[in-house]
Protein backbone atom coordinates (compact mmCIF):
# COMPACT_ATOMS: atom_id res chain seq x y z
CA MET A 1 -9.07 -15.86 23.96
CA ASP A 2 -10.55 -16.91 20.61
CA PHE A 3 -8.13 -17.11 17.70
CA ASP A 4 -10.69 -18.38 15.19
CA ILE A 5 -11.40 -16.18 12.19
CA PRO A 6 -15.09 -15.16 12.39
CA ALA A 7 -17.36 -17.56 10.48
CA ASP A 8 -18.82 -14.81 8.31
CA LEU A 9 -15.31 -13.80 7.24
CA VAL A 10 -14.43 -17.40 6.35
CA SER A 11 -17.56 -17.54 4.20
CA TYR A 12 -16.64 -14.27 2.56
CA LEU A 13 -13.20 -15.60 1.57
CA ALA A 14 -14.96 -18.47 -0.21
CA GLU A 15 -17.25 -15.96 -1.92
CA LEU A 16 -14.23 -13.99 -3.12
CA ASP A 17 -12.59 -17.15 -4.46
CA GLU A 18 -15.72 -17.96 -6.46
CA PHE A 19 -15.82 -14.43 -7.87
CA ILE A 20 -12.15 -14.63 -8.89
CA GLU A 21 -12.68 -17.89 -10.77
CA ALA A 22 -15.90 -16.71 -12.42
CA GLU A 23 -14.95 -13.12 -13.34
CA ILE A 24 -11.30 -12.26 -12.80
CA ARG A 25 -9.37 -15.30 -14.08
CA PRO A 26 -11.21 -15.27 -17.43
CA LEU A 27 -10.53 -11.53 -17.80
CA GLU A 28 -6.87 -12.14 -16.96
CA CYS A 29 -6.58 -14.63 -19.83
CA GLN A 30 -8.74 -12.75 -22.34
CA ASP A 31 -7.17 -11.02 -25.39
CA ASP A 32 -3.63 -11.86 -24.25
CA ASN A 33 -4.10 -9.94 -21.01
CA ILE A 34 -1.98 -12.68 -19.51
CA ARG A 35 1.07 -10.91 -20.95
CA PHE A 36 0.91 -8.55 -17.99
CA PHE A 37 1.29 -11.50 -15.58
CA ASP A 38 3.67 -13.63 -17.65
CA HIS A 39 6.91 -12.64 -15.92
CA ARG A 40 8.87 -13.31 -19.11
CA ARG A 41 6.89 -10.51 -20.77
CA GLU A 42 6.64 -8.26 -17.76
CA ASP A 43 7.87 -5.24 -19.70
CA ALA A 44 4.42 -5.18 -21.33
CA ARG A 45 3.34 -3.22 -18.26
CA THR A 46 5.75 -0.39 -19.07
CA ASP A 47 5.32 2.32 -21.68
CA TRP A 48 8.97 2.90 -22.49
CA HIS A 49 8.03 5.68 -24.92
CA ARG A 50 6.46 7.75 -22.14
CA GLY A 51 9.35 7.75 -19.70
CA GLY A 52 8.60 4.35 -18.17
CA LEU A 53 5.02 5.12 -17.09
CA PRO A 54 2.48 2.31 -16.76
CA ASN A 55 1.09 1.09 -20.07
CA PRO A 56 -2.42 2.59 -20.50
CA GLN A 57 -3.75 -0.85 -21.51
CA TRP A 58 -2.37 -2.30 -18.27
CA GLU A 59 -4.07 0.40 -16.20
CA ALA A 60 -7.32 -0.01 -18.16
CA LEU A 61 -7.29 -3.73 -17.35
CA LEU A 62 -6.86 -3.00 -13.64
CA ALA A 63 -9.71 -0.48 -13.83
CA GLU A 64 -12.00 -3.07 -15.44
CA ALA A 65 -11.18 -5.57 -12.70
CA ARG A 66 -12.05 -2.94 -10.09
CA ARG A 67 -15.29 -2.13 -11.92
CA ARG A 68 -16.33 -5.78 -11.90
CA ALA A 69 -15.38 -6.15 -8.26
CA ASP A 70 -17.42 -3.06 -7.41
CA ALA A 71 -20.43 -4.33 -9.37
CA ALA A 72 -20.22 -7.61 -7.45
CA GLY A 73 -20.10 -5.79 -4.11
CA HIS A 74 -16.49 -6.59 -3.21
CA TYR A 75 -14.43 -3.52 -3.97
CA ARG A 76 -15.97 -1.40 -1.21
CA TYR A 77 -15.82 -4.05 1.53
CA ALA A 78 -14.04 -1.77 4.01
CA PHE A 79 -16.18 1.29 3.32
CA PRO A 80 -19.19 2.43 5.36
CA ALA A 81 -22.50 0.90 4.28
CA ARG A 82 -23.87 4.33 3.38
CA TYR A 83 -21.28 4.48 0.60
CA GLY A 84 -22.04 1.02 -0.72
CA GLY A 85 -19.57 -0.80 1.51
CA ARG A 86 -19.92 -3.60 4.03
CA ASP A 87 -18.62 -1.76 7.10
CA GLY A 88 -15.57 -4.01 6.91
CA THR A 89 -13.20 -4.18 9.86
CA ASN A 90 -9.44 -3.82 10.07
CA LEU A 91 -9.27 -7.48 11.05
CA GLY A 92 -11.36 -8.36 8.03
CA MET A 93 -9.11 -6.35 5.71
CA ALA A 94 -5.99 -7.98 7.16
CA VAL A 95 -7.38 -11.49 6.67
CA ILE A 96 -8.65 -10.72 3.17
CA ARG A 97 -5.45 -9.08 1.97
CA GLU A 98 -3.31 -11.93 3.26
CA HIS A 99 -5.65 -14.45 1.64
CA LEU A 100 -5.57 -12.74 -1.76
CA ALA A 101 -1.79 -12.23 -1.72
CA SER A 102 -1.20 -15.85 -0.69
CA LYS A 103 -2.85 -16.97 -3.93
CA GLY A 104 0.05 -15.53 -5.90
CA LEU A 105 0.18 -12.58 -8.25
CA GLY A 106 -2.67 -12.02 -10.66
CA LEU A 107 -5.42 -9.67 -11.68
CA HIS A 108 -7.11 -10.32 -8.34
CA CYS A 109 -4.10 -8.91 -6.46
CA ASP A 110 -1.03 -7.14 -7.82
CA LEU A 111 0.62 -4.91 -5.26
CA GLN A 112 2.96 -3.25 -7.74
CA ASN A 113 0.44 -0.42 -7.77
CA GLU A 114 -1.66 -1.41 -4.72
CA HIS A 115 -4.25 -3.12 -6.93
CA MET A 116 -6.68 -5.53 -5.29
CA ILE A 117 -10.29 -6.49 -5.94
CA VAL A 118 -11.05 -5.52 -2.33
CA GLY A 119 -10.09 -1.87 -2.32
CA ASN A 120 -7.58 -0.39 0.09
CA ASN A 121 -8.75 3.12 -0.64
CA VAL A 122 -7.28 4.96 2.32
CA GLY A 123 -7.94 8.20 0.46
CA LEU A 124 -11.66 7.71 1.09
CA LEU A 125 -11.04 7.07 4.78
CA LEU A 126 -9.08 10.30 5.03
CA MET A 127 -11.72 12.21 3.11
CA LEU A 128 -14.48 11.00 5.45
CA THR A 129 -12.39 11.91 8.50
CA TYR A 130 -10.72 15.16 7.44
CA GLY A 131 -12.54 16.51 4.40
CA THR A 132 -14.77 19.55 4.58
CA PRO A 133 -18.43 19.10 3.54
CA ALA A 134 -17.62 20.66 0.17
CA GLN A 135 -14.61 18.39 -0.36
CA GLN A 136 -16.64 15.33 0.59
CA ALA A 137 -19.42 16.29 -1.80
CA GLU A 138 -16.88 16.56 -4.62
CA TRP A 139 -14.79 13.49 -3.88
CA VAL A 140 -16.53 10.74 -1.93
CA ASP A 141 -18.52 9.03 -4.69
CA ASP A 142 -15.59 8.89 -7.10
CA LEU A 143 -13.19 7.71 -4.39
CA ALA A 144 -15.59 4.99 -3.27
CA ALA A 145 -15.90 3.64 -6.82
CA GLY A 146 -12.18 3.86 -7.53
CA ARG A 147 -12.82 6.22 -10.45
CA ARG A 148 -10.65 8.96 -9.06
CA GLY A 149 -7.91 9.50 -6.51
CA PHE A 150 -5.29 11.95 -5.36
CA ALA A 151 -1.56 11.50 -5.08
CA PHE A 152 0.43 12.17 -1.87
CA GLY A 153 3.11 14.85 -2.02
CA ILE A 154 4.93 14.16 1.25
CA THR A 155 8.56 13.15 0.60
CA GLU A 156 11.13 15.76 -0.40
CA PRO A 157 14.46 15.22 -2.17
CA ALA A 158 16.64 16.42 0.71
CA HIS A 159 14.75 14.92 3.64
CA GLY A 160 13.33 11.49 2.81
CA SER A 161 11.84 9.92 5.94
CA ASP A 162 11.85 13.15 7.96
CA ALA A 163 8.47 14.60 7.09
CA THR A 164 8.80 17.46 9.58
CA TYR A 165 11.74 19.19 7.89
CA LEU A 166 9.78 20.36 4.87
CA GLU A 167 11.33 22.92 2.57
CA THR A 168 8.07 23.22 0.65
CA THR A 169 6.23 26.26 1.98
CA ALA A 170 2.82 27.82 1.55
CA VAL A 171 2.10 31.46 2.33
CA ARG A 172 -1.17 33.33 2.40
CA ASP A 173 -1.96 35.84 -0.31
CA GLY A 174 -5.40 37.24 0.33
CA SER A 175 -7.87 34.37 0.21
CA ASP A 176 -5.35 32.12 -1.56
CA TRP A 177 -2.23 30.18 -0.67
CA VAL A 178 0.93 30.18 -2.75
CA ILE A 179 2.94 26.92 -2.63
CA SER A 180 6.61 26.61 -3.58
CA GLY A 181 8.96 23.67 -3.26
CA GLU A 182 9.72 20.15 -4.50
CA LYS A 183 8.34 16.68 -3.87
CA THR A 184 9.72 13.32 -4.90
CA TRP A 185 8.37 9.77 -5.02
CA ASN A 186 5.00 11.35 -5.71
CA THR A 187 3.36 8.01 -6.55
CA GLY A 188 0.34 7.99 -8.85
CA VAL A 189 0.59 11.63 -9.82
CA HIS A 190 0.54 10.70 -13.53
CA ALA A 191 -3.11 9.64 -13.28
CA ALA A 192 -4.35 11.90 -10.47
CA SER A 193 -6.33 15.09 -10.90
CA HIS A 194 -5.00 16.39 -7.56
CA ASP A 195 -1.92 16.03 -5.43
CA LEU A 196 -2.22 16.22 -1.64
CA VAL A 197 0.76 18.50 -1.09
CA PHE A 198 2.17 18.91 2.42
CA ALA A 199 3.80 22.28 3.04
CA ARG A 200 5.03 24.24 6.02
CA THR A 201 2.73 27.15 6.81
CA GLY A 202 4.13 27.99 10.24
CA GLY A 203 6.27 26.75 13.10
CA GLN A 204 9.91 25.78 13.05
CA PRO A 205 11.68 23.11 10.96
CA GLY A 206 11.27 19.79 12.73
CA ALA A 207 8.08 20.83 14.54
CA ALA A 208 5.00 18.63 14.19
CA ASP A 209 2.66 21.63 14.12
CA GLY A 210 2.62 24.11 11.27
CA ILE A 211 2.39 21.63 8.39
CA THR A 212 -0.69 21.94 6.20
CA ALA A 213 -2.06 19.62 3.51
CA PHE A 214 -3.46 21.12 0.30
CA LEU A 215 -5.59 19.35 -2.33
CA THR A 216 -3.71 20.82 -5.28
CA PRO A 217 -4.90 20.43 -8.90
CA VAL A 218 -2.04 19.00 -10.94
CA ALA A 219 -3.09 21.23 -13.85
CA SER A 220 -2.31 24.36 -11.81
CA PRO A 221 0.17 26.83 -13.35
CA GLY A 222 3.57 26.26 -11.79
CA PHE A 223 2.91 22.56 -11.02
CA THR A 224 5.41 20.53 -13.03
CA VAL A 225 6.25 16.83 -13.05
CA GLU A 226 9.92 17.02 -13.96
CA ASP A 227 10.52 13.29 -14.35
CA TYR A 228 9.58 9.84 -13.13
CA LEU A 229 12.14 7.91 -11.13
CA TRP A 230 12.95 4.52 -12.64
CA THR A 231 13.07 1.74 -10.09
CA PHE A 232 14.11 -1.84 -9.37
CA ASN A 233 10.60 -2.91 -10.44
CA MET A 234 9.15 -1.12 -13.46
CA PRO A 235 6.89 0.54 -14.55
CA THR A 236 7.23 3.76 -12.60
CA ASP A 237 4.60 6.23 -11.50
CA HIS A 238 6.85 7.93 -8.93
CA GLY A 239 7.01 11.55 -9.97
CA HIS A 240 9.48 14.28 -9.04
CA VAL A 241 7.32 17.38 -8.77
CA ARG A 242 8.27 21.04 -8.69
CA LEU A 243 5.86 23.68 -7.37
CA ASP A 244 6.76 27.18 -8.47
CA GLY A 245 4.32 29.64 -6.95
CA VAL A 246 1.31 27.34 -7.30
CA ARG A 247 -1.81 29.20 -6.22
CA VAL A 248 -4.71 27.39 -4.52
CA PRO A 249 -7.77 28.74 -2.70
CA ASP A 250 -8.26 28.41 1.03
CA SER A 251 -10.84 25.70 0.30
CA ALA A 252 -7.94 23.45 -0.78
CA VAL A 253 -6.75 23.08 2.83
CA PHE A 254 -7.31 19.47 3.90
CA GLY A 255 -7.57 18.51 7.56
CA GLY A 256 -7.13 22.01 8.94
CA GLU A 257 -4.39 24.60 8.80
CA GLY A 258 -1.23 23.44 10.57
CA ARG A 259 -2.55 19.91 11.15
CA GLY A 260 -1.32 18.15 8.04
CA LEU A 261 1.04 15.83 9.90
CA GLN A 262 -1.95 14.28 11.65
CA VAL A 263 -3.38 13.34 8.25
CA VAL A 264 -0.10 11.60 7.43
CA GLN A 265 -0.05 9.71 10.73
CA HIS A 266 -3.61 8.49 10.21
CA PHE A 267 -2.81 7.36 6.67
CA PHE A 268 0.29 5.48 7.81
CA ASN A 269 -1.42 3.48 10.54
CA GLU A 270 -4.38 2.42 8.41
CA ASN A 271 -2.27 1.59 5.37
CA ARG A 272 0.65 -0.13 7.08
CA ILE A 273 -1.34 -2.85 8.82
CA ARG A 274 -3.04 -3.78 5.55
CA GLN A 275 0.19 -3.68 3.61
CA ALA A 276 1.82 -5.88 6.26
CA ALA A 277 -0.93 -8.45 5.75
CA SER A 278 -0.28 -8.44 2.00
CA SER A 279 3.45 -8.97 2.50
CA LEU A 280 2.67 -11.84 4.86
CA GLY A 281 0.44 -13.39 2.20
CA ALA A 282 3.18 -13.11 -0.42
CA ALA A 283 5.71 -14.62 2.00
CA GLN A 284 3.39 -17.53 2.73
CA TYR A 285 2.96 -18.09 -1.01
CA CYS A 286 6.75 -18.35 -1.43
CA VAL A 287 7.05 -20.83 1.43
CA THR A 288 4.11 -22.96 0.27
CA GLU A 289 5.41 -23.14 -3.30
CA SER A 290 8.88 -24.02 -2.06
CA VAL A 291 7.59 -26.90 0.08
CA ALA A 292 5.61 -28.30 -2.86
CA TYR A 293 8.63 -28.07 -5.16
CA ALA A 294 10.96 -29.65 -2.60
CA LEU A 295 8.61 -32.62 -2.31
CA ASP A 296 8.38 -33.04 -6.08
CA ARG A 297 12.00 -32.42 -7.13
CA LYS A 298 14.21 -35.55 -6.80
CA PRO A 299 17.89 -34.91 -7.53
CA PHE A 300 20.33 -37.66 -6.57
CA GLY A 301 17.43 -40.10 -6.30
CA LYS A 302 15.53 -38.54 -3.40
CA PRO A 303 13.26 -35.52 -2.84
CA LEU A 304 14.86 -32.21 -1.97
CA ALA A 305 12.54 -32.19 1.03
CA ALA A 306 14.56 -35.01 2.61
CA ASN A 307 17.51 -32.66 3.12
CA GLN A 308 17.71 -30.66 6.34
CA ALA A 309 19.45 -27.88 4.40
CA ILE A 310 16.14 -27.44 2.58
CA GLN A 311 13.88 -28.14 5.55
CA PHE A 312 15.35 -25.88 8.22
CA PRO A 313 15.31 -22.51 6.39
CA LEU A 314 11.70 -23.14 5.34
CA VAL A 315 10.80 -24.18 8.89
CA GLU A 316 12.16 -20.88 10.19
CA LEU A 317 10.21 -18.91 7.58
CA GLN A 318 7.00 -20.83 8.31
CA THR A 319 7.47 -20.20 12.04
CA GLN A 320 7.86 -16.48 11.40
CA CYS A 321 4.75 -16.48 9.21
CA GLU A 322 2.71 -18.09 12.00
CA MET A 323 3.95 -15.67 14.66
CA LEU A 324 3.50 -12.62 12.44
CA ARG A 325 -0.01 -13.69 11.46
CA THR A 326 -1.00 -13.77 15.12
CA LEU A 327 0.45 -10.31 15.75
CA ILE A 328 -1.23 -8.84 12.66
CA HIS A 329 -4.61 -10.25 13.66
CA LYS A 330 -4.20 -9.02 17.23
CA THR A 331 -3.14 -5.55 16.06
CA ALA A 332 -6.01 -5.26 13.59
CA TRP A 333 -8.48 -6.45 16.24
CA LEU A 334 -7.17 -3.86 18.71
CA MET A 335 -7.48 -1.16 16.04
CA ASP A 336 -11.14 -2.12 15.61
CA ARG A 337 -11.70 -2.03 19.36
CA ASP A 338 -9.65 0.97 20.41
CA GLY A 339 -8.97 2.97 17.25
CA PRO A 340 -6.04 3.21 14.83
CA PHE A 341 -3.85 5.27 17.16
CA SER A 342 -3.96 2.81 20.05
CA VAL A 343 -1.44 0.38 18.57
CA SER A 344 1.05 2.50 16.64
CA ASP A 345 3.97 0.48 18.00
CA LYS A 346 2.45 -2.84 16.93
CA VAL A 347 1.57 -1.47 13.49
CA SER A 348 5.23 -0.62 12.98
CA MET A 349 6.31 -4.04 14.26
CA CYS A 350 3.96 -5.79 11.85
CA ASN A 351 4.95 -3.67 8.90
CA TYR A 352 8.72 -3.72 9.05
CA TRP A 353 8.88 -7.41 9.93
CA ALA A 354 6.36 -8.46 7.24
CA ASN A 355 8.24 -6.62 4.51
CA ARG A 356 11.58 -8.08 5.60
CA LEU A 357 10.04 -11.56 5.88
CA CYS A 358 8.59 -11.37 2.38
CA CYS A 359 11.97 -10.53 0.88
CA GLU A 360 13.62 -13.36 2.81
CA ALA A 361 10.92 -15.82 1.73
CA ALA A 362 11.21 -14.81 -1.94
CA ASP A 363 14.98 -15.12 -1.78
CA ARG A 364 14.75 -18.56 -0.18
CA ALA A 365 12.16 -19.65 -2.79
CA MET A 366 14.61 -18.71 -5.53
CA GLN A 367 17.31 -20.77 -3.80
CA VAL A 368 15.09 -23.82 -3.32
CA HIS A 369 13.95 -23.68 -6.95
CA GLY A 370 17.52 -23.21 -8.15
CA GLY A 371 18.03 -21.84 -11.65
CA LEU A 372 14.30 -22.08 -12.32
CA GLY A 373 13.64 -19.88 -9.28
CA TYR A 374 16.02 -17.24 -10.57
CA SER A 375 14.39 -17.32 -13.98
CA ARG A 376 11.28 -15.46 -15.03
CA HIS A 377 9.43 -18.72 -15.43
CA LYS A 378 8.67 -18.40 -11.71
CA PRO A 379 7.32 -15.30 -9.89
CA PHE A 380 9.79 -15.20 -7.02
CA GLU A 381 12.25 -12.74 -8.50
CA HIS A 382 9.32 -10.44 -9.29
CA ILE A 383 8.00 -10.74 -5.73
CA TYR A 384 11.43 -9.92 -4.38
CA ARG A 385 11.87 -6.90 -6.65
CA HIS A 386 8.45 -5.56 -5.79
CA HIS A 387 8.37 -6.14 -2.05
CA ARG A 388 11.92 -4.92 -1.56
CA ARG A 389 10.55 -1.42 -2.04
CA TYR A 390 8.29 -1.71 1.01
CA ARG A 391 11.29 -1.93 3.30
CA ILE A 392 11.79 1.71 2.32
CA THR A 393 8.56 3.25 1.08
CA GLU A 394 6.15 2.29 3.85
CA GLY A 395 8.45 4.08 6.27
CA ALA A 396 11.96 2.67 6.15
CA GLU A 397 12.35 -0.25 8.52
CA GLU A 398 14.88 1.78 10.53
CA ILE A 399 12.21 4.47 11.01
CA GLN A 400 9.67 1.84 12.02
CA MET A 401 12.09 0.41 14.58
CA ARG A 402 12.84 3.88 15.91
CA ARG A 403 9.11 4.42 16.25
CA VAL A 404 8.73 1.22 18.27
CA ALA A 405 11.64 2.28 20.45
CA GLY A 406 9.97 5.65 21.03
CA TYR A 407 6.97 3.91 22.59
CA MET A 408 9.07 1.32 24.45
CA PHE A 409 11.26 3.92 26.13
CA GLY A 410 8.56 6.52 26.76
CA PHE A 411 9.66 9.13 24.24
CA MET A 412 6.31 8.89 22.42
CA ARG A 413 2.70 8.37 23.42
CA GLN A 414 0.00 6.45 21.59
CA ARG A 415 -2.84 8.86 21.15
CA ALA A 416 -5.17 10.15 18.49
CA PRO A 417 -4.34 13.48 16.85
CA LYS A 418 -6.14 16.56 18.10
CA GLY A 419 -9.75 16.59 16.91
CA VAL A 420 -9.79 12.89 15.86
CA ALA A 421 -11.78 10.33 17.80
CA ALA A 422 -9.62 7.68 19.45
CA GLY A 423 -11.89 4.76 18.57
């Protein structure tokens, strides 16, 4: 067994670091853009006069960073070469995302809205796998460049994690479909031209079959964003959407009639392993900063680091980081070898544990740094507030554990959805 990171990937990390210092850091500091990363002025990200939505200047800055990353050949790393990418691997994405997150928050990597100079555009992956030729012709170029995206209308107010008990329905009316229902936590819908709405078109409540995904224009009559849910970590782009007889053509069906849940499953596996790597990177950042501070801080005439009460909690966190890193790399490598549906149990293990670990590491960093750690002069309270959401939004950790149990006890099987290649 070889646990070394491939040499070309090591070289690429150095290339990314050079790009960040040459292009991204200067942009971060230009024209007081640093206000968006100065945690004392963090509310600069939020447009309080528009219901707590992201400040347009903040989003424009992120878009410029993505444009520069794309021009330098980094943004599309994971995409197929025919779309300007580098045919990046899941292992490569895991290593890169951990590396960028471990550098701390900045314009190179800010997971509050999934921003990173190496794009995690799972929407493009889904489009290439499930989109019709017409949908691909319309969407692929814009998705690849990060110019355009669609929101995901999965969660409903009354059902949360249970995506099979949808009250949103779609019925045929001639060559059209008419969609009615509600969606909540519809992230990114404020800036999206379309919402990928999941609705029941057949089958019984709780059944996996009979759920269909529709690429629904947000400007459609009857499509209303009623409000945006304010959260622990502002700004918010999490819309509560009502669909009142929204009419879409049959060409809006995405992934096939009755097969929408398969699209969701594919999205989850690809996104969760990458998000787990980012949480690991943020956790490692908290541990590394805490060790450095404990060596430098000398109350009562000796370094904090001399105290076992400081050492032991950080030792436990570092041990968990090392073990989790190995599991993430193994899982990503297996996904590259055998396909994203071959390791669903391990993806869930990586994700729920990484998100929990990040919160524990941020909390411990605050404790080690004392009052300074609790203040907004350090990023730890921000990291905690942000990553706390992932213990819920990436599939609540209880759901992830139940998923692992399903594979352990034989209630579930690891297989690709119907019509999707396993590897």
